[in-house]
C-alpha atoms as a PDB file:
ATOM      1  CA  MET A   1      36.672  79.645 -60.508  1.00  0.00           C
ATOM      2  CA  ARG A   2      35.798  78.420 -57.015  1.00  0.00           C
ATOM      3  CA  THR A   3      38.444  78.194 -54.371  1.00  0.00           C
ATOM      4  CA  GLY A   4      36.665  75.722 -52.111  1.00  0.00           C
ATOM      5  CA  ARG A   5      37.461  72.160 -51.093  1.00  0.00           C
ATOM      6  CA  ALA A   6      37.327  70.802 -54.660  1.00  0.00           C
ATOM      7  CA  ALA A   7      39.755  73.390 -56.023  1.00  0.00           C
ATOM      8  CA  ARG A   8      42.294  72.743 -53.261  1.00  0.00           C
ATOM      9  CA  ALA A   9      42.187  69.002 -53.926  1.00  0.00           C
ATOM     10  CA  TRP A  10      43.520  69.450 -57.466  1.00  0.00           C
ATOM     11  CA  LYS A  11      46.606  71.280 -58.679  1.00  0.00           C
ATOM     12  CA  ASP A  12      45.214  71.354 -62.233  1.00  0.00           C
ATOM     13  CA  PRO A  13      42.595  74.169 -62.472  1.00  0.00           C
ATOM     14  CA  ALA A  14      40.560  72.278 -65.094  1.00  0.00           C
ATOM     15  CA  MET A  15      40.319  69.209 -62.852  1.00  0.00           C
ATOM     16  CA  ALA A  16      39.416  71.420 -59.900  1.00  0.00           C
ATOM     17  CA  GLU A  17      36.570  72.948 -61.924  1.00  0.00           C
ATOM     18  CA  ILE A  18      35.273  69.497 -62.926  1.00  0.00           C
ATOM     19  CA  SER A  19      35.488  68.334 -59.335  1.00  0.00           C
ATOM     20  CA  ASP A  20      33.608  71.437 -58.212  1.00  0.00           C
ATOM     21  CA  VAL A  21      30.824  70.825 -60.761  1.00  0.00           C
ATOM     22  CA  ILE A  22      30.524  67.194 -59.629  1.00  0.00           C
ATOM     23  CA  GLU A  23      30.252  68.329 -55.991  1.00  0.00           C
ATOM     24  CA  ARG A  24      27.569  70.891 -56.850  1.00  0.00           C
ATOM     25  CA  LEU A  25      25.629  68.352 -58.922  1.00  0.00           C
ATOM     26  CA  ALA A  26      25.662  65.904 -56.019  1.00  0.00           C
ATOM     27  CA  ALA A  27      24.257  68.651 -53.748  1.00  0.00           C
ATOM     28  CA  VAL A  28      21.425  69.318 -56.226  1.00  0.00           C
ATOM     29  CA  GLU A  29      20.688  65.590 -56.506  1.00  0.00           C
ATOM     30  CA  ASP A  30      20.504  65.294 -52.709  1.00  0.00           C
ATOM     31  CA  ARG A  31      18.100  68.228 -52.487  1.00  0.00           C
ATOM     32  CA  LEU A  32      15.878  66.796 -55.248  1.00  0.00           C
ATOM     33  CA  ALA A  33      15.921  63.363 -53.588  1.00  0.00           C
ATOM     34  CA  ILE A  34      14.569  64.880 -50.369  1.00  0.00           C
ATOM     35  CA  ILE A  35      11.873  66.752 -52.294  1.00  0.00           C
ATOM     36  CA  GLU A  36      10.843  63.428 -53.893  1.00  0.00           C
ATOM     37  CA  LEU A  37      10.967  61.723 -50.486  1.00  0.00           C
ATOM     38  CA  GLU A  38       8.593  64.327 -49.040  1.00  0.00           C
ATOM     39  CA  ALA A  39       6.218  63.993 -52.006  1.00  0.00           C
ATOM     40  CA  ALA A  40       6.154  60.219 -51.491  1.00  0.00           C
ATOM     41  CA  TYR A  41       5.555  60.802 -47.759  1.00  0.00           C
ATOM     42  CA  ALA A  42       2.404  62.839 -48.413  1.00  0.00           C
ATOM     43  CA  ARG A  43       1.033  60.610 -51.183  1.00  0.00           C
ATOM     44  CA  SER A  44       1.624  57.309 -49.388  1.00  0.00           C
ATOM     45  CA  PHE A  45       0.187  58.537 -46.074  1.00  0.00           C
ATOM     46  CA  ASP A  46      -2.848  60.099 -47.736  1.00  0.00           C
ATOM     47  CA  SER A  47      -3.547  56.865 -49.634  1.00  0.00           C
ATOM     48  CA  ARG A  48      -3.026  54.756 -46.461  1.00  0.00           C
ATOM     49  CA  ALA A  49      -0.170  52.760 -48.001  1.00  0.00           C
ATOM     50  CA  GLY A  50       1.300  51.902 -44.594  1.00  0.00           C
ATOM     51  CA  ASP A  51       4.213  49.702 -45.651  1.00  0.00           C
ATOM     52  CA  GLU A  52       5.206  52.121 -48.412  1.00  0.00           C
ATOM     53  CA  TRP A  53       5.003  55.081 -46.002  1.00  0.00           C
ATOM     54  CA  ALA A  54       6.991  53.283 -43.287  1.00  0.00           C
ATOM     55  CA  ALA A  55       9.714  52.347 -45.803  1.00  0.00           C
ATOM     56  CA  LEU A  56      10.443  56.072 -46.244  1.00  0.00           C
ATOM     57  CA  PHE A  57      11.780  56.080 -42.666  1.00  0.00           C
ATOM     58  CA  THR A  58      14.950  54.532 -41.295  1.00  0.00           C
ATOM     59  CA  PRO A  59      14.308  51.129 -39.642  1.00  0.00           C
ATOM     60  CA  ASP A  60      14.179  52.874 -36.241  1.00  0.00           C
ATOM     61  CA  GLY A  61      12.516  56.030 -37.627  1.00  0.00           C
ATOM     62  CA  ILE A  62      10.234  58.167 -35.478  1.00  0.00           C
ATOM     63  CA  TYR A  63       7.078  60.148 -36.184  1.00  0.00           C
ATOM     64  CA  GLN A  64       6.194  62.427 -33.286  1.00  0.00           C
ATOM     65  CA  ALA A  65       3.731  65.174 -32.489  1.00  0.00           C
ATOM     66  CA  ARG A  66       5.520  68.034 -30.740  1.00  0.00           C
ATOM     67  CA  GLY A  67       5.499  67.428 -27.001  1.00  0.00           C
ATOM     68  CA  ALA A  68       4.645  63.732 -27.341  1.00  0.00           C
ATOM     69  CA  THR A  69       6.813  61.093 -25.696  1.00  0.00           C
ATOM     70  CA  ALA A  70       7.165  57.344 -26.059  1.00  0.00           C
ATOM     71  CA  VAL A  71       4.424  56.949 -23.412  1.00  0.00           C
ATOM     72  CA  ARG A  72       2.126  59.899 -24.228  1.00  0.00           C
ATOM     73  CA  GLY A  73       0.668  61.282 -27.447  1.00  0.00           C
ATOM     74  CA  ASN A  74       1.526  60.533 -31.070  1.00  0.00           C
ATOM     75  CA  TYR A  75       5.014  59.066 -30.773  1.00  0.00           C
ATOM     76  CA  VAL A  76       5.520  56.203 -33.214  1.00  0.00           C
ATOM     77  CA  ALA A  77       8.875  54.436 -33.581  1.00  0.00           C
ATOM     78  CA  GLY A  78      10.014  51.677 -35.945  1.00  0.00           C
ATOM     79  CA  ARG A  79       8.731  50.670 -39.354  1.00  0.00           C
ATOM     80  CA  GLU A  80       6.192  48.116 -38.129  1.00  0.00           C
ATOM     81  CA  ALA A  81       4.541  50.642 -35.794  1.00  0.00           C
ATOM     82  CA  LEU A  82       4.735  53.370 -38.453  1.00  0.00           C
ATOM     83  CA  SER A  83       2.981  51.137 -40.976  1.00  0.00           C
ATOM     84  CA  ALA A  84       0.193  50.326 -38.509  1.00  0.00           C
ATOM     85  CA  PHE A  85      -0.164  54.021 -37.586  1.00  0.00           C
ATOM     86  CA  CYS A  86      -0.622  54.988 -41.246  1.00  0.00           C
ATOM     87  CA  THR A  87      -2.902  52.109 -42.213  1.00  0.00           C
ATOM     88  CA  GLY A  88      -5.047  52.432 -39.097  1.00  0.00           C
ATOM     89  CA  ALA A  89      -5.512  56.205 -39.084  1.00  0.00           C
ATOM     90  CA  PRO A  90      -9.157  57.001 -38.215  1.00  0.00           C
ATOM     91  CA  PHE A  91      -9.480  59.616 -40.943  1.00  0.00           C
ATOM     92  CA  ASP A  92      -8.965  60.305 -44.639  1.00  0.00           C
ATOM     93  CA  GLY A  93      -7.013  63.411 -45.503  1.00  0.00           C
ATOM     94  CA  ILE A  94      -4.683  65.277 -47.764  1.00  0.00           C
ATOM     95  CA  HIS A  95      -1.333  66.920 -47.066  1.00  0.00           C
ATOM     96  CA  LEU A  96      -0.662  70.273 -48.743  1.00  0.00           C
ATOM     97  CA  MET A  97       3.069  70.697 -48.198  1.00  0.00           C
ATOM     98  CA  HIS A  98       5.549  73.416 -49.060  1.00  0.00           C
ATOM     99  CA  LEU A  99       9.023  72.606 -50.302  1.00  0.00           C
ATOM    100  CA  PRO A 100      11.481  71.594 -47.584  1.00  0.00           C
ATOM    101  CA  GLN A 101      14.080  74.137 -46.544  1.00  0.00           C
ATOM    102  CA  CYS A 102      17.108  71.847 -46.154  1.00  0.00           C
ATOM    103  CA  THR A 103      20.553  71.989 -44.629  1.00  0.00           C
ATOM    104  CA  PHE A 104      23.033  69.208 -45.339  1.00  0.00           C
ATOM    105  CA  ASP A 105      25.963  67.775 -43.414  1.00  0.00           C
ATOM    106  CA  GLY A 106      27.385  64.850 -45.344  1.00  0.00           C
ATOM    107  CA  ASP A 107      24.963  61.913 -45.138  1.00  0.00           C
ATOM    108  CA  GLN A 108      22.676  63.766 -42.731  1.00  0.00           C
ATOM    109  CA  ALA A 109      20.238  66.588 -43.373  1.00  0.00           C
ATOM    110  CA  ARG A 110      17.552  68.620 -41.629  1.00  0.00           C
ATOM    111  CA  SER A 111      14.564  70.477 -42.959  1.00  0.00           C
ATOM    112  CA  ARG A 112      11.529  72.480 -41.983  1.00  0.00           C
ATOM    113  CA  ILE A 113       8.398  71.968 -44.069  1.00  0.00           C
ATOM    114  CA  HIS A 114       5.305  74.114 -43.690  1.00  0.00           C
ATOM    115  CA  LEU A 115       2.049  72.295 -44.290  1.00  0.00           C
ATOM    116  CA  GLU A 116      -1.692  72.235 -44.155  1.00  0.00           C
ATOM    117  CA  PHE A 117      -3.527  68.985 -43.510  1.00  0.00           C
ATOM    118  CA  VAL A 118      -7.269  68.579 -44.038  1.00  0.00           C
ATOM    119  CA  ALA A 119      -8.953  65.395 -42.822  1.00  0.00           C
ATOM    120  CA  THR A 120     -12.386  63.855 -42.405  1.00  0.00           C
ATOM    121  CA  PHE A 121     -12.717  61.401 -39.529  1.00  0.00           C
ATOM    122  CA  HIS A 122     -14.528  58.051 -39.725  1.00  0.00           C
ATOM    123  CA  ALA A 123     -16.658  58.979 -36.712  1.00  0.00           C
ATOM    124  CA  GLU A 124     -20.370  59.729 -36.526  1.00  0.00           C
ATOM    125  CA  GLY A 125     -21.104  62.980 -38.355  1.00  0.00           C
ATOM    126  CA  ASN A 126     -17.778  62.764 -40.239  1.00  0.00           C
ATOM    127  CA  PRO A 127     -16.058  65.608 -38.370  1.00  0.00           C
ATOM    128  CA  THR A 128     -13.337  67.411 -40.313  1.00  0.00           C
ATOM    129  CA  VAL A 129     -10.108  68.947 -39.108  1.00  0.00           C
ATOM    130  CA  ARG A 130      -7.897  71.531 -40.780  1.00  0.00           C
ATOM    131  CA  MET A 131      -4.403  71.766 -39.320  1.00  0.00           C
ATOM    132  CA  VAL A 132      -1.741  74.323 -40.236  1.00  0.00           C
ATOM    133  CA  GLY A 133       1.776  73.848 -38.970  1.00  0.00           C
ATOM    134  CA  TYR A 134       5.187  72.537 -39.876  1.00  0.00           C
ATOM    135  CA  TYR A 135       7.443  69.506 -39.740  1.00  0.00           C
ATOM    136  CA  ASP A 136      10.988  69.516 -38.455  1.00  0.00           C
ATOM    137  CA  VAL A 137      12.713  66.556 -40.063  1.00  0.00           C
ATOM    138  CA  ARG A 138      16.060  64.796 -39.689  1.00  0.00           C
ATOM    139  CA  TYR A 139      17.184  62.635 -42.611  1.00  0.00           C
ATOM    140  CA  VAL A 140      19.916  60.035 -42.988  1.00  0.00           C
ATOM    141  CA  LYS A 141      21.337  58.739 -46.252  1.00  0.00           C
ATOM    142  CA  LEU A 142      21.467  54.928 -46.024  1.00  0.00           C
ATOM    143  CA  ASP A 143      23.045  52.926 -48.833  1.00  0.00           C
ATOM    144  CA  GLY A 144      22.787  55.989 -51.082  1.00  0.00           C
ATOM    145  CA  VAL A 145      19.074  56.622 -50.349  1.00  0.00           C
ATOM    146  CA  TRP A 146      17.694  59.424 -48.164  1.00  0.00           C
ATOM    147  CA  ARG A 147      15.360  58.247 -45.383  1.00  0.00           C
ATOM    148  CA  ILE A 148      13.452  60.042 -42.623  1.00  0.00           C
ATOM    149  CA  ALA A 149      15.090  59.431 -39.240  1.00  0.00           C
ATOM    150  CA  HIS A 150      12.828  61.630 -37.096  1.00  0.00           C
ATOM    151  CA  ARG A 151       9.850  63.859 -37.901  1.00  0.00           C
ATOM    152  CA  VAL A 152       8.217  66.203 -35.402  1.00  0.00           C
ATOM    153  CA  THR A 153       4.872  67.839 -36.201  1.00  0.00           C
ATOM    154  CA  SER A 154       4.199  71.292 -34.733  1.00  0.00           C
ATOM    155  CA  THR A 155       0.613  72.530 -34.938  1.00  0.00           C
ATOM    156  CA  MET A 156       0.177  76.292 -35.159  1.00  0.00           C
ATOM    157  CA  HIS A 157      -3.563  76.319 -35.843  1.00  0.00           C
ATOM    158  CA  ARG A 158      -6.298  73.713 -35.830  1.00  0.00           C
ATOM    159  CA  THR A 159      -9.952  74.077 -36.757  1.00  0.00           C
ATOM    160  CA  ASP A 160     -12.519  71.397 -36.019  1.00  0.00           C
ATOM    161  CA  ASN A 161     -15.752  71.255 -37.977  1.00  0.00           C
ATOM    162  CA  LYS A 162     -18.177  68.926 -36.268  1.00  0.00           C
ATOM    163  CA  THR A 163     -20.659  68.825 -39.142  1.00  0.00           C
ATOM    164  CA  GLY A 164     -18.331  67.562 -41.843  1.00  0.00           C
ATOM    165  CA  THR A 165     -21.137  67.624 -44.388  1.00  0.00           C
ATOM    166  CA  TYR A 166     -22.005  69.933 -47.224  1.00  0.00           C
ATOM    167  CA  PRO A 167     -24.499  72.494 -45.839  1.00  0.00           C
ATOM    168  CA  THR A 168     -27.956  72.615 -47.371  1.00  0.00           C
ATOM    169  CA  GLY A 169     -29.496  75.782 -48.764  1.00  0.00           C
ATOM    170  CA  THR A 170     -27.455  78.893 -49.451  1.00  0.00           C
ATOM    171  CA  GLY A 171     -25.471  81.352 -47.408  1.00  0.00           C
ATOM    172  CA  PHE A 172     -28.419  83.714 -47.737  1.00  0.00           C
ATOM    173  CA  ASP A 173     -30.747  81.381 -45.811  1.00  0.00           C
ATOM    174  CA  THR A 174     -29.484  82.463 -42.393  1.00  0.00           C
ATOM    175  CA  ASP A 175     -30.679  85.269 -40.149  1.00  0.00           C
ATOM    176  CA  LEU A 176     -27.921  87.868 -40.076  1.00  0.00           C
END
């Protein structure tokens, strides 16, 4: 039997065990809710569902590229701006995200999520970009629902392909 907070709250060992199970179940539900939140983040951004994507954030939520500030770089704050950022992105892409590694503190949580993002831009020649990096994310539970309060993207590697088209011929057609 556990001897943690739940067990100390009850003098009856059976009630302490039930309380402990309830506490552990709530922790699992919180973790699963954040996993679902991150899945919805990727799907809604990749499908350019701006309002849906922005609703995953707190009303004053922030998306930020590492090193960006409110006056320089990708720093987007508030649901209206987040929605416009998602809807107006000049590329189509797909997020390939790992599971979040979470720590919880009551109605707040933090995670790190490794990812790969592959995108094709709407520019001449359809250039593509492959980015590998991670998100650091702060979450807040509002009215029983986990929301993203602040997300910072750190890029570890980025590859730009200026052709963006399927090459003609075969790999054997080049002079080696």
